[in-house]
C-alpha atoms as a PDB file:
ATOM      1  CA  UNK A   1      62.895 129.331  69.476  1.00  0.00           C
ATOM      2  CA  UNK A   2      59.631 130.146  67.722  1.00  0.00           C
ATOM      3  CA  UNK A   3      56.375 131.511  69.115  1.00  0.00           C
ATOM      4  CA  UNK A   4      54.224 129.639  71.630  1.00  0.00           C
ATOM      5  CA  UNK A   5      53.494 126.099  70.505  1.00  0.00           C
ATOM      6  CA  UNK A   6      51.392 125.194  73.523  1.00  0.00           C
ATOM      7  CA  UNK A   7      49.432 127.604  75.709  1.00  0.00           C
ATOM      8  CA  UNK A   8      47.079 127.057  78.622  1.00  0.00           C
ATOM      9  CA  UNK A   9      45.033 129.658  80.468  1.00  0.00           C
ATOM     10  CA  UNK A  10      43.080 129.521  83.732  1.00  0.00           C
ATOM     11  CA  UNK A  11      43.837 125.830  84.079  1.00  0.00           C
ATOM     12  CA  UNK A  12      42.147 124.276  87.105  1.00  0.00           C
ATOM     13  CA  UNK A  13      41.942 120.600  87.914  1.00  0.00           C
ATOM     14  CA  UNK A  14      40.185 119.055  90.891  1.00  0.00           C
ATOM     15  CA  UNK A  15      40.538 115.539  92.194  1.00  0.00           C
ATOM     16  CA  UNK A  16      38.451 114.153  95.028  1.00  0.00           C
ATOM     17  CA  UNK A  17      37.073 117.618  95.692  1.00  0.00           C
ATOM     18  CA  UNK A  18      40.570 119.046  96.140  1.00  0.00           C
ATOM     19  CA  UNK A  19      42.028 121.724  93.864  1.00  0.00           C
ATOM     20  CA  UNK A  20      45.155 120.036  92.506  1.00  0.00           C
ATOM     21  CA  UNK A  21      46.080 122.581  89.821  1.00  0.00           C
ATOM     22  CA  UNK A  22      45.499 126.317  89.626  1.00  0.00           C
ATOM     23  CA  UNK A  23      47.566 127.703  86.745  1.00  0.00           C
ATOM     24  CA  UNK A  24      46.600 131.157  85.396  1.00  0.00           C
ATOM     25  CA  UNK A  25      48.827 130.729  82.337  1.00  0.00           C
ATOM     26  CA  UNK A  26      51.631 128.591  80.989  1.00  0.00           C
ATOM     27  CA  UNK A  27      53.207 128.382  77.548  1.00  0.00           C
ATOM     28  CA  UNK A  28      55.838 126.414  75.667  1.00  0.00           C
ATOM     29  CA  UNK A  29      57.666 127.771  72.652  1.00  0.00           C
ATOM     30  CA  UNK A  30      58.754 125.593  69.763  1.00  0.00           C
ATOM     31  CA  UNK A  31      62.055 123.862  70.524  1.00  0.00           C
ATOM     32  CA  UNK A  32      62.013 124.934  74.171  1.00  0.00           C
ATOM     33  CA  UNK A  33      62.769 122.667  77.113  1.00  0.00           C
ATOM     34  CA  UNK A  34      60.857 123.551  80.268  1.00  0.00           C
ATOM     35  CA  UNK A  35      61.532 121.809  83.584  1.00  0.00           C
ATOM     36  CA  UNK A  36      59.012 121.673  86.420  1.00  0.00           C
ATOM     37  CA  UNK A  37      60.264 121.100  89.963  1.00  0.00           C
ATOM     38  CA  UNK A  38      58.613 121.145  93.352  1.00  0.00           C
ATOM     39  CA  UNK A  39      57.952 118.981  96.402  1.00  0.00           C
ATOM     40  CA  UNK A  40      55.752 115.899  96.422  1.00  0.00           C
ATOM     41  CA  UNK A  41      52.101 116.819  95.972  1.00  0.00           C
ATOM     42  CA  UNK A  42      52.877 120.122  94.251  1.00  0.00           C
ATOM     43  CA  UNK A  43      50.877 119.146  91.146  1.00  0.00           C
ATOM     44  CA  UNK A  44      53.754 118.472  88.755  1.00  0.00           C
ATOM     45  CA  UNK A  45      52.489 115.144  87.421  1.00  0.00           C
ATOM     46  CA  UNK A  46      48.928 116.479  87.243  1.00  0.00           C
ATOM     47  CA  UNK A  47      50.202 119.315  85.049  1.00  0.00           C
ATOM     48  CA  UNK A  48      51.770 116.798  82.664  1.00  0.00           C
ATOM     49  CA  UNK A  49      48.586 114.725  82.545  1.00  0.00           C
ATOM     50  CA  UNK A  50      46.403 117.755  81.785  1.00  0.00           C
ATOM     51  CA  UNK A  51      48.684 119.400  79.225  1.00  0.00           C
ATOM     52  CA  UNK A  52      49.244 116.101  77.421  1.00  0.00           C
ATOM     53  CA  UNK A  53      45.499 115.528  77.086  1.00  0.00           C
ATOM     54  CA  UNK A  54      45.433 112.397  79.227  1.00  0.00           C
ATOM     55  CA  UNK A  55      43.326 114.178  81.843  1.00  0.00           C
ATOM     56  CA  UNK A  56      40.671 116.818  81.245  1.00  0.00           C
ATOM     57  CA  UNK A  57      40.789 119.871  83.529  1.00  0.00           C
ATOM     58  CA  UNK A  58      37.456 121.116  84.827  1.00  0.00           C
ATOM     59  CA  UNK A  59      38.325 124.694  83.880  1.00  0.00           C
ATOM     60  CA  UNK A  60      40.570 126.463  81.420  1.00  0.00           C
ATOM     61  CA  UNK A  61      41.621 126.262  77.794  1.00  0.00           C
ATOM     62  CA  UNK A  62      44.613 124.646  76.112  1.00  0.00           C
ATOM     63  CA  UNK A  63      45.778 125.793  72.674  1.00  0.00           C
ATOM     64  CA  UNK A  64      48.167 123.941  70.375  1.00  0.00           C
ATOM     65  CA  UNK A  65      49.640 125.870  67.433  1.00  0.00           C
ATOM     66  CA  UNK A  66      47.031 128.550  68.051  1.00  0.00           C
ATOM     67  CA  UNK A  67      44.078 126.156  67.919  1.00  0.00           C
ATOM     68  CA  UNK A  68      41.950 125.288  70.935  1.00  0.00           C
ATOM     69  CA  UNK A  69      42.154 121.629  71.866  1.00  0.00           C
ATOM     70  CA  UNK A  70      38.663 120.203  72.041  1.00  0.00           C
ATOM     71  CA  UNK A  71      37.008 117.739  69.718  1.00  0.00           C
ATOM     72  CA  UNK A  72      40.355 117.235  67.947  1.00  0.00           C
ATOM     73  CA  UNK A  73      42.043 115.870  71.089  1.00  0.00           C
ATOM     74  CA  UNK A  74      43.149 112.692  69.300  1.00  0.00           C
ATOM     75  CA  UNK A  75      44.853 114.706  66.560  1.00  0.00           C
ATOM     76  CA  UNK A  76      46.703 116.669  69.247  1.00  0.00           C
ATOM     77  CA  UNK A  77      47.784 113.554  71.120  1.00  0.00           C
ATOM     78  CA  UNK A  78      49.192 112.087  67.902  1.00  0.00           C
ATOM     79  CA  UNK A  79      51.612 115.012  67.787  1.00  0.00           C
ATOM     80  CA  UNK A  80      52.794 114.481  71.353  1.00  0.00           C
ATOM     81  CA  UNK A  81      54.453 111.745  73.383  1.00  0.00           C
ATOM     82  CA  UNK A  82      54.451 111.025  77.101  1.00  0.00           C
ATOM     83  CA  UNK A  83      57.247 109.235  78.968  1.00  0.00           C
ATOM     84  CA  UNK A  84      56.630 108.162  82.553  1.00  0.00           C
ATOM     85  CA  UNK A  85      58.958 107.092  85.345  1.00  0.00           C
ATOM     86  CA  UNK A  86      58.010 103.476  84.591  1.00  0.00           C
ATOM     87  CA  UNK A  87      58.429 102.773  80.845  1.00  0.00           C
ATOM     88  CA  UNK A  88      55.135 100.775  80.679  1.00  0.00           C
ATOM     89  CA  UNK A  89      56.429  98.357  78.058  1.00  0.00           C
ATOM     90  CA  UNK A  90      54.263  95.657  76.517  1.00  0.00           C
ATOM     91  CA  UNK A  91      55.122  91.963  76.783  1.00  0.00           C
ATOM     92  CA  UNK A  92      56.800  91.998  73.382  1.00  0.00           C
ATOM     93  CA  UNK A  93      60.210  92.640  71.841  1.00  0.00           C
ATOM     94  CA  UNK A  94      61.986  95.967  72.092  1.00  0.00           C
ATOM     95  CA  UNK A  95      61.343  96.491  68.368  1.00  0.00           C
ATOM     96  CA  UNK A  96      57.593  95.968  68.756  1.00  0.00           C
ATOM     97  CA  UNK A  97      57.460  98.265  71.766  1.00  0.00           C
ATOM     98  CA  UNK A  98      59.193 101.052  69.866  1.00  0.00           C
ATOM     99  CA  UNK A  99      56.896 100.459  66.880  1.00  0.00           C
ATOM    100  CA  UNK A 100      53.600 100.536  68.772  1.00  0.00           C
ATOM    101  CA  UNK A 101      52.985 104.285  68.489  1.00  0.00           C
ATOM    102  CA  UNK A 102      53.711 104.212  64.770  1.00  0.00           C
ATOM    103  CA  UNK A 103      51.311 101.313  64.257  1.00  0.00           C
ATOM    104  CA  UNK A 104      48.579 103.227  66.061  1.00  0.00           C
ATOM    105  CA  UNK A 105      49.244 106.108  63.677  1.00  0.00           C
ATOM    106  CA  UNK A 106      48.954 103.672  60.735  1.00  0.00           C
ATOM    107  CA  UNK A 107      52.447 104.428  59.428  1.00  0.00           C
ATOM    108  CA  UNK A 108      53.324 102.283  56.390  1.00  0.00           C
ATOM    109  CA  UNK A 109      55.666  99.350  56.951  1.00  0.00           C
ATOM    110  CA  UNK A 110      58.730 100.716  55.133  1.00  0.00           C
ATOM    111  CA  UNK A 111      58.629 104.044  56.940  1.00  0.00           C
ATOM    112  CA  UNK A 112      57.792 102.320  60.226  1.00  0.00           C
ATOM    113  CA  UNK A 113      60.819 100.059  59.906  1.00  0.00           C
ATOM    114  CA  UNK A 114      63.078 103.017  59.103  1.00  0.00           C
ATOM    115  CA  UNK A 115      61.813 105.139  62.007  1.00  0.00           C
ATOM    116  CA  UNK A 116      61.984 102.309  64.531  1.00  0.00           C
ATOM    117  CA  UNK A 117      65.590 101.511  63.648  1.00  0.00           C
ATOM    118  CA  UNK A 118      66.513 105.204  63.725  1.00  0.00           C
ATOM    119  CA  UNK A 119      65.071 105.458  67.246  1.00  0.00           C
ATOM    120  CA  UNK A 120      66.833 102.259  68.335  1.00  0.00           C
ATOM    121  CA  UNK A 121      70.149 103.646  67.084  1.00  0.00           C
ATOM    122  CA  UNK A 122      69.490 107.024  68.668  1.00  0.00           C
ATOM    123  CA  UNK A 123      69.168 105.439  72.107  1.00  0.00           C
ATOM    124  CA  UNK A 124      71.816 102.759  71.463  1.00  0.00           C
ATOM    125  CA  UNK A 125      69.552  99.719  71.817  1.00  0.00           C
ATOM    126  CA  UNK A 126      69.561  98.384  68.237  1.00  0.00           C
ATOM    127  CA  UNK A 127      71.495  95.286  69.381  1.00  0.00           C
ATOM    128  CA  UNK A 128      68.665  94.280  71.719  1.00  0.00           C
ATOM    129  CA  UNK A 129      65.832  94.972  69.272  1.00  0.00           C
ATOM    130  CA  UNK A 130      64.617  91.358  69.416  1.00  0.00           C
ATOM    131  CA  UNK A 131      64.964  90.975  73.173  1.00  0.00           C
ATOM    132  CA  UNK A 132      61.784  90.643  75.190  1.00  0.00           C
ATOM    133  CA  UNK A 133      60.788  93.581  77.369  1.00  0.00           C
ATOM    134  CA  UNK A 134      60.726  91.354  80.448  1.00  0.00           C
ATOM    135  CA  UNK A 135      64.445  90.668  80.029  1.00  0.00           C
ATOM    136  CA  UNK A 136      65.597  94.294  80.024  1.00  0.00           C
ATOM    137  CA  UNK A 137      67.568  96.055  82.722  1.00  0.00           C
ATOM    138  CA  UNK A 138      66.139  99.240  84.205  1.00  0.00           C
ATOM    139  CA  UNK A 139      68.313 101.413  81.981  1.00  0.00           C
ATOM    140  CA  UNK A 140      67.461  99.425  78.847  1.00  0.00           C
ATOM    141  CA  UNK A 141      63.747  99.660  79.613  1.00  0.00           C
ATOM    142  CA  UNK A 142      63.964 103.431  80.008  1.00  0.00           C
ATOM    143  CA  UNK A 143      65.861 103.672  76.711  1.00  0.00           C
ATOM    144  CA  UNK A 144      63.140 101.633  75.024  1.00  0.00           C
ATOM    145  CA  UNK A 145      60.482 103.944  76.440  1.00  0.00           C
ATOM    146  CA  UNK A 146      62.294 107.034  75.174  1.00  0.00           C
ATOM    147  CA  UNK A 147      62.930 105.431  71.779  1.00  0.00           C
ATOM    148  CA  UNK A 148      59.201 104.656  71.486  1.00  0.00           C
ATOM    149  CA  UNK A 149      58.385 108.311  72.166  1.00  0.00           C
ATOM    150  CA  UNK A 150      60.975 109.744  69.779  1.00  0.00           C
ATOM    151  CA  UNK A 151      60.109 107.293  66.974  1.00  0.00           C
ATOM    152  CA  UNK A 152      56.796 109.120  66.609  1.00  0.00           C
ATOM    153  CA  UNK A 153      58.633 112.393  65.890  1.00  0.00           C
ATOM    154  CA  UNK A 154      56.518 114.311  68.429  1.00  0.00           C
ATOM    155  CA  UNK A 155      56.131 118.071  68.373  1.00  0.00           C
ATOM    156  CA  UNK A 156      56.013 117.981  72.189  1.00  0.00           C
ATOM    157  CA  UNK A 157      57.368 115.330  74.519  1.00  0.00           C
ATOM    158  CA  UNK A 158      56.121 115.263  78.112  1.00  0.00           C
ATOM    159  CA  UNK A 159      58.388 113.526  80.610  1.00  0.00           C
ATOM    160  CA  UNK A 160      57.533 112.610  84.199  1.00  0.00           C
ATOM    161  CA  UNK A 161      60.668 111.597  86.143  1.00  0.00           C
ATOM    162  CA  UNK A 162      62.082 109.534  83.225  1.00  0.00           C
ATOM    163  CA  UNK A 163      65.642 109.343  84.573  1.00  0.00           C
ATOM    164  CA  UNK A 164      64.952 108.362  88.181  1.00  0.00           C
ATOM    165  CA  UNK A 165      65.958 105.082  89.871  1.00  0.00           C
ATOM    166  CA  UNK A 166      69.091 104.591  87.755  1.00  0.00           C
ATOM    167  CA  UNK A 167      72.685 104.175  88.877  1.00  0.00           C
ATOM    168  CA  UNK A 168      74.807 107.295  88.200  1.00  0.00           C
ATOM    169  CA  UNK A 169      76.767 106.029  85.132  1.00  0.00           C
ATOM    170  CA  UNK A 170      73.617 104.669  83.447  1.00  0.00           C
ATOM    171  CA  UNK A 171      71.714 107.853  84.203  1.00  0.00           C
ATOM    172  CA  UNK A 172      74.515 110.086  82.920  1.00  0.00           C
ATOM    173  CA  UNK A 173      74.764 108.186  79.629  1.00  0.00           C
ATOM    174  CA  UNK A 174      70.993 108.301  79.146  1.00  0.00           C
ATOM    175  CA  UNK A 175      70.854 112.026  79.906  1.00  0.00           C
ATOM    176  CA  UNK A 176      73.508 112.679  77.260  1.00  0.00           C
ATOM    177  CA  UNK A 177      71.635 110.674  74.623  1.00  0.00           C
ATOM    178  CA  UNK A 178      68.320 112.305  75.510  1.00  0.00           C
ATOM    179  CA  UNK A 179      69.771 115.810  75.365  1.00  0.00           C
ATOM    180  CA  UNK A 180      71.355 115.109  71.976  1.00  0.00           C
ATOM    181  CA  UNK A 181      68.157 113.541  70.631  1.00  0.00           C
ATOM    182  CA  UNK A 182      66.041 116.464  71.759  1.00  0.00           C
ATOM    183  CA  UNK A 183      68.303 118.843  69.877  1.00  0.00           C
ATOM    184  CA  UNK A 184      68.390 116.644  66.772  1.00  0.00           C
ATOM    185  CA  UNK A 185      64.625 116.531  66.243  1.00  0.00           C
ATOM    186  CA  UNK A 186      63.940 120.030  67.586  1.00  0.00           C
ATOM    187  CA  UNK A 187      61.125 118.822  69.823  1.00  0.00           C
ATOM    188  CA  UNK A 188      59.599 120.876  72.594  1.00  0.00           C
ATOM    189  CA  UNK A 189      59.887 119.234  76.013  1.00  0.00           C
ATOM    190  CA  UNK A 190      58.218 119.572  79.389  1.00  0.00           C
ATOM    191  CA  UNK A 191      60.166 117.668  82.030  1.00  0.00           C
ATOM    192  CA  UNK A 192      59.016 116.940  85.573  1.00  0.00           C
ATOM    193  CA  UNK A 193      61.847 116.095  87.944  1.00  0.00           C
ATOM    194  CA  UNK A 194      62.801 116.113  91.615  1.00  0.00           C
ATOM    195  CA  UNK A 195      66.450 116.584  90.654  1.00  0.00           C
ATOM    196  CA  UNK A 196      67.333 120.274  90.429  1.00  0.00           C
ATOM    197  CA  UNK A 197      70.693 119.569  88.773  1.00  0.00           C
ATOM    198  CA  UNK A 198      68.927 117.547  86.094  1.00  0.00           C
ATOM    199  CA  UNK A 199      66.499 120.403  85.504  1.00  0.00           C
ATOM    200  CA  UNK A 200      69.264 122.996  85.288  1.00  0.00           C
ATOM    201  CA  UNK A 201      71.167 120.846  82.832  1.00  0.00           C
ATOM    202  CA  UNK A 202      68.287 120.237  80.446  1.00  0.00           C
ATOM    203  CA  UNK A 203      65.970 123.234  80.590  1.00  0.00           C
ATOM    204  CA  UNK A 204      65.711 126.670  79.018  1.00  0.00           C
ATOM    205  CA  UNK A 205      63.121 127.709  81.603  1.00  0.00           C
ATOM    206  CA  UNK A 206      62.472 126.508  85.117  1.00  0.00           C
ATOM    207  CA  UNK A 207      59.094 126.388  86.877  1.00  0.00           C
ATOM    208  CA  UNK A 208      58.852 125.898  90.639  1.00  0.00           C
ATOM    209  CA  UNK A 209      55.490 124.581  91.844  1.00  0.00           C
ATOM    210  CA  UNK A 210      53.885 124.523  95.275  1.00  0.00           C
ATOM    211  CA  UNK A 211      50.351 123.385  96.158  1.00  0.00           C
ATOM    212  CA  UNK A 212      49.187 123.334  92.538  1.00  0.00           C
ATOM    213  CA  UNK A 213      50.532 126.761  91.636  1.00  0.00           C
ATOM    214  CA  UNK A 214      53.610 128.016  89.827  1.00  0.00           C
ATOM    215  CA  UNK A 215      55.333 130.209  92.406  1.00  0.00           C
ATOM    216  CA  UNK A 216      58.256 131.232  90.190  1.00  0.00           C
ATOM    217  CA  UNK A 217      59.282 130.766  86.583  1.00  0.00           C
ATOM    218  CA  UNK A 218      62.105 132.066  84.458  1.00  0.00           C
ATOM    219  CA  UNK A 219      65.578 131.268  83.165  1.00  0.00           C
ATOM    220  CA  UNK A 220      67.176 128.699  85.492  1.00  0.00           C
ATOM    221  CA  UNK A 221      70.015 131.001  86.528  1.00  0.00           C
ATOM    222  CA  UNK A 222      67.522 133.692  87.550  1.00  0.00           C
ATOM    223  CA  UNK A 223      65.352 131.309  89.585  1.00  0.00           C
ATOM    224  CA  UNK A 224      68.346 129.778  91.355  1.00  0.00           C
ATOM    225  CA  UNK A 225      70.086 133.053  92.150  1.00  0.00           C
ATOM    226  CA  UNK A 226      67.083 135.350  92.639  1.00  0.00           C
ATOM    227  CA  UNK A 227      64.309 133.316  94.301  1.00  0.00           C
ATOM    228  CA  UNK A 228      61.123 135.247  94.976  1.00  0.00           C
ATOM    229  CA  UNK A 229      60.449 133.870  98.457  1.00  0.00           C
ATOM    230  CA  UNK A 230      61.782 131.688 101.250  1.00  0.00           C
ATOM    231  CA  UNK A 231      60.147 128.531  99.900  1.00  0.00           C
ATOM    232  CA  UNK A 232      61.776 128.837  96.480  1.00  0.00           C
ATOM    233  CA  UNK A 233      65.101 129.836  98.031  1.00  0.00           C
ATOM    234  CA  UNK A 234      65.157 126.720 100.194  1.00  0.00           C
ATOM    235  CA  UNK A 235      64.017 124.470  97.366  1.00  0.00           C
ATOM    236  CA  UNK A 236      66.695 125.630  94.919  1.00  0.00           C
ATOM    237  CA  UNK A 237      69.495 125.212  97.440  1.00  0.00           C
ATOM    238  CA  UNK A 238      70.028 128.678  98.899  1.00  0.00           C
ATOM    239  CA  UNK A 239      70.939 127.131 102.243  1.00  0.00           C
ATOM    240  CA  UNK A 240      71.948 130.271 104.124  1.00  0.00           C
ATOM    241  CA  UNK A 241      68.814 132.315 104.830  1.00  0.00           C
ATOM    242  CA  UNK A 242      69.087 135.098 107.392  1.00  0.00           C
ATOM    243  CA  UNK A 243      66.919 137.822 108.860  1.00  0.00           C
ATOM    244  CA  UNK A 244      68.476 141.117 109.770  1.00  0.00           C
ATOM    245  CA  UNK A 245      67.833 144.797 110.327  1.00  0.00           C
ATOM    246  CA  UNK A 246      68.979 147.438 107.847  1.00  0.00           C
ATOM    247  CA  UNK A 247      71.258 149.867 109.686  1.00  0.00           C
ATOM    248  CA  UNK A 248      72.320 151.983 106.699  1.00  0.00           C
ATOM    249  CA  UNK A 249      70.998 152.477 103.178  1.00  0.00           C
ATOM    250  CA  UNK A 250      72.591 154.795 100.662  1.00  0.00           C
ATOM    251  CA  UNK A 251      73.072 154.849  96.895  1.00  0.00           C
ATOM    252  CA  UNK A 252      71.755 151.320  96.410  1.00  0.00           C
ATOM    253  CA  UNK A 253      73.996 149.795  99.070  1.00  0.00           C
ATOM    254  CA  UNK A 254      72.727 148.560 102.423  1.00  0.00           C
ATOM    255  CA  UNK A 255      74.290 147.494 105.691  1.00  0.00           C
ATOM    256  CA  UNK A 256      72.372 144.717 107.468  1.00  0.00           C
ATOM    257  CA  UNK A 257      72.951 143.649 111.058  1.00  0.00           C
ATOM    258  CA  UNK A 258      72.601 139.948 111.879  1.00  0.00           C
ATOM    259  CA  UNK A 259      73.382 138.803 115.427  1.00  0.00           C
ATOM    260  CA  UNK A 260      75.906 141.599 115.905  1.00  0.00           C
ATOM    261  CA  UNK A 261      77.628 141.067 112.544  1.00  0.00           C
ATOM    262  CA  UNK A 262      77.211 143.360 109.563  1.00  0.00           C
ATOM    263  CA  UNK A 263      76.587 142.455 105.921  1.00  0.00           C
ATOM    264  CA  UNK A 264      76.992 144.759 102.954  1.00  0.00           C
ATOM    265  CA  UNK A 265      74.357 144.084 100.290  1.00  0.00           C
ATOM    266  CA  UNK A 266      72.942 145.653  97.152  1.00  0.00           C
ATOM    267  CA  UNK A 267      69.417 146.993  97.722  1.00  0.00           C
ATOM    268  CA  UNK A 268      67.368 149.983  98.767  1.00  0.00           C
ATOM    269  CA  UNK A 269      65.420 149.031 101.900  1.00  0.00           C
ATOM    270  CA  UNK A 270      65.041 151.763 104.500  1.00  0.00           C
ATOM    271  CA  UNK A 271      67.130 151.942 107.667  1.00  0.00           C
ATOM    272  CA  UNK A 272      65.364 150.110 110.482  1.00  0.00           C
ATOM    273  CA  UNK A 273      63.606 147.722 108.110  1.00  0.00           C
ATOM    274  CA  UNK A 274      63.661 143.970 108.759  1.00  0.00           C
ATOM    275  CA  UNK A 275      64.821 141.998 105.705  1.00  0.00           C
ATOM    276  CA  UNK A 276      65.254 138.367 104.735  1.00  0.00           C
ATOM    277  CA  UNK A 277      68.230 137.596 102.542  1.00  0.00           C
ATOM    278  CA  UNK A 278      70.145 134.595 101.331  1.00  0.00           C
ATOM    279  CA  UNK A 279      73.411 133.461  99.816  1.00  0.00           C
ATOM    280  CA  UNK A 280      74.113 130.347  97.797  1.00  0.00           C
ATOM    281  CA  UNK A 281      76.744 128.014  99.292  1.00  0.00           C
ATOM    282  CA  UNK A 282      78.934 128.106  96.178  1.00  0.00           C
ATOM    283  CA  UNK A 283      79.219 131.894  96.602  1.00  0.00           C
ATOM    284  CA  UNK A 284      80.885 131.572 100.009  1.00  0.00           C
ATOM    285  CA  UNK A 285      84.681 131.299  99.841  1.00  0.00           C
ATOM    286  CA  UNK A 286      86.781 129.973 102.700  1.00  0.00           C
ATOM    287  CA  UNK A 287      90.313 130.462 103.948  1.00  0.00           C
ATOM    288  CA  UNK A 288      91.999 129.349 107.127  1.00  0.00           C
ATOM    289  CA  UNK A 289      91.961 131.989 109.840  1.00  0.00           C
ATOM    290  CA  UNK A 290      95.696 131.467 110.372  1.00  0.00           C
ATOM    291  CA  UNK A 291      96.621 132.160 106.741  1.00  0.00           C
ATOM    292  CA  UNK A 292      93.808 134.458 105.558  1.00  0.00           C
ATOM    293  CA  UNK A 293      94.802 137.134 103.052  1.00  0.00           C
ATOM    294  CA  UNK A 294      93.079 140.307 101.951  1.00  0.00           C
ATOM    295  CA  UNK A 295      90.067 139.685  99.737  1.00  0.00           C
ATOM    296  CA  UNK A 296      87.973 141.852  97.436  1.00  0.00           C
ATOM    297  CA  UNK A 297      84.802 140.665  99.191  1.00  0.00           C
ATOM    298  CA  UNK A 298      83.226 143.250 101.510  1.00  0.00           C
ATOM    299  CA  UNK A 299      81.758 140.597 103.797  1.00  0.00           C
ATOM    300  CA  UNK A 300      84.306 138.625 105.818  1.00  0.00           C
ATOM    301  CA  UNK A 301      83.412 136.665 108.950  1.00  0.00           C
ATOM    302  CA  UNK A 302      85.325 134.558 111.432  1.00  0.00           C
ATOM    303  CA  UNK A 303      83.610 131.184 111.703  1.00  0.00           C
ATOM    304  CA  UNK A 304      84.045 127.751 113.226  1.00  0.00           C
ATOM    305  CA  UNK A 305      83.348 124.693 111.095  1.00  0.00           C
ATOM    306  CA  UNK A 306      80.629 122.527 112.644  1.00  0.00           C
ATOM    307  CA  UNK A 307      80.317 119.840 109.971  1.00  0.00           C
ATOM    308  CA  UNK A 308      81.861 118.800 106.646  1.00  0.00           C
ATOM    309  CA  UNK A 309      79.881 116.484 104.377  1.00  0.00           C
ATOM    310  CA  UNK A 310      81.594 114.917 101.371  1.00  0.00           C
ATOM    311  CA  UNK A 311      79.470 114.743  98.211  1.00  0.00           C
ATOM    312  CA  UNK A 312      82.113 113.344  95.906  1.00  0.00           C
ATOM    313  CA  UNK A 313      83.640 116.161  93.853  1.00  0.00           C
ATOM    314  CA  UNK A 314      82.353 118.801  96.271  1.00  0.00           C
ATOM    315  CA  UNK A 315      82.020 119.100 100.030  1.00  0.00           C
ATOM    316  CA  UNK A 316      79.403 120.964 102.023  1.00  0.00           C
ATOM    317  CA  UNK A 317      80.851 122.973 104.910  1.00  0.00           C
ATOM    318  CA  UNK A 318      78.525 124.117 107.697  1.00  0.00           C
ATOM    319  CA  UNK A 319      79.746 126.840 110.043  1.00  0.00           C
ATOM    320  CA  UNK A 320      78.869 128.930 113.055  1.00  0.00           C
ATOM    321  CA  UNK A 321      79.759 132.575 112.511  1.00  0.00           C
ATOM    322  CA  UNK A 322      77.426 133.824 115.224  1.00  0.00           C
ATOM    323  CA  UNK A 323      74.778 132.869 112.663  1.00  0.00           C
ATOM    324  CA  UNK A 324      74.516 129.688 110.542  1.00  0.00           C
ATOM    325  CA  UNK A 325      76.494 129.777 107.310  1.00  0.00           C
ATOM    326  CA  UNK A 326      77.011 127.152 104.612  1.00  0.00           C
ATOM    327  CA  UNK A 327      79.652 126.882 101.885  1.00  0.00           C
ATOM    328  CA  UNK A 328      80.215 124.489  99.008  1.00  0.00           C
ATOM    329  CA  UNK A 329      83.848 123.881  98.088  1.00  0.00           C
ATOM    330  CA  UNK A 330      85.660 121.305  96.007  1.00  0.00           C
ATOM    331  CA  UNK A 331      86.609 118.237  98.003  1.00  0.00           C
ATOM    332  CA  UNK A 332      90.213 118.890  96.978  1.00  0.00           C
ATOM    333  CA  UNK A 333      90.036 122.349  98.582  1.00  0.00           C
ATOM    334  CA  UNK A 334      88.466 120.847 101.698  1.00  0.00           C
ATOM    335  CA  UNK A 335      91.407 118.459 101.996  1.00  0.00           C
ATOM    336  CA  UNK A 336      94.009 121.149 101.268  1.00  0.00           C
ATOM    337  CA  UNK A 337      92.509 123.401 103.944  1.00  0.00           C
ATOM    338  CA  UNK A 338      92.148 120.458 106.355  1.00  0.00           C
ATOM    339  CA  UNK A 339      88.528 121.427 106.891  1.00  0.00           C
ATOM    340  CA  UNK A 340      86.896 119.508 109.717  1.00  0.00           C
ATOM    341  CA  UNK A 341      84.642 120.214 112.668  1.00  0.00           C
ATOM    342  CA  UNK A 342      86.339 122.754 114.917  1.00  0.00           C
ATOM    343  CA  UNK A 343      88.497 124.382 112.219  1.00  0.00           C
ATOM    344  CA  UNK A 344      88.709 128.183 112.390  1.00  0.00           C
ATOM    345  CA  UNK A 345      88.069 129.839 109.028  1.00  0.00           C
ATOM    346  CA  UNK A 346      87.333 133.161 107.393  1.00  0.00           C
ATOM    347  CA  UNK A 347      84.164 133.044 105.289  1.00  0.00           C
ATOM    348  CA  UNK A 348      83.919 135.673 102.551  1.00  0.00           C
ATOM    349  CA  UNK A 349      80.876 136.731 100.529  1.00  0.00           C
ATOM    350  CA  UNK A 350      80.769 139.364  97.811  1.00  0.00           C
ATOM    351  CA  UNK A 351      78.146 142.082  98.109  1.00  0.00           C
ATOM    352  CA  UNK A 352      76.607 141.077  94.785  1.00  0.00           C
ATOM    353  CA  UNK A 353      76.216 137.473  95.972  1.00  0.00           C
ATOM    354  CA  UNK A 354      73.681 138.430  98.648  1.00  0.00           C
ATOM    355  CA  UNK A 355      70.087 138.294  97.471  1.00  0.00           C
ATOM    356  CA  UNK A 356      67.367 140.234  99.274  1.00  0.00           C
ATOM    357  CA  UNK A 357      64.335 137.954  99.191  1.00  0.00           C
ATOM    358  CA  UNK A 358      61.790 140.242 100.789  1.00  0.00           C
ATOM    359  CA  UNK A 359      61.699 143.334 102.915  1.00  0.00           C
END
């Protein structure tokens, strides 16, 4: 990655008298993919609209390649592309829809023809180039919208839920082609999505938004495993969140009491302090109480399964260990262990898998 390609400072946008965005700073480096997640109304789409130049924030500055965006807004927009959840295709052929951005940029016919066909091939829709937009399936329409954006060879592509409302096989194939295309042209991308797995798959950095603000940003693994607060922890799937009292603290290792059970965790809170901590479900391992063997994990708890929910390749196992606990195991393991409501298990968690959220 290169230096910052796009930077915004003190970005504030109001709509109907309400502060929709309040972003002290945000930047995108060349070739970087940044994903923005958050609940409905968090300001994700508003961020895309402001950074792409489609909306004008009441406060703040946006710089592209070191230059402030102002009177040259049109020149900036010609170097970007925006893809929405709905492809917004014209009543014309696929070819003409993909060509429209190039025509607006007054690209000569020979180059236009070459770039349109390259984009059609990239998104595997060259065989339907002469089909009317009204006769496209949902997946084909989304491919046409992406091809139109990539045909313009944008420096930055902004995407607002472009892969939603597709069946799983169609979505998976489109994600693969998009990811490959992004790498091929070296474009910078800002992706808004409700799907955390999609964000983790595509992004180099993850932003979590709430009420118009970025509450945490960083490498996806850091955000997912080390959330800064309870909101982020819940949003990124840290389903087990517990409050307890530190009973011992020595040499960076703490003992925390929760409902009469004791957890060993890495941290340095003082004895007697109340702490909130969490553990991701995939970091909880299970064994049957009747066949449990010694484990290297310091934290081992007897628990009763209260619910098992099948999610295809994985199953979510909810338990009562005197406190609520959640694990994510492969569905094959769930079958092998005969996991069902009422099953007695031993739940194990390594000390390093516990994350102290606040103290």
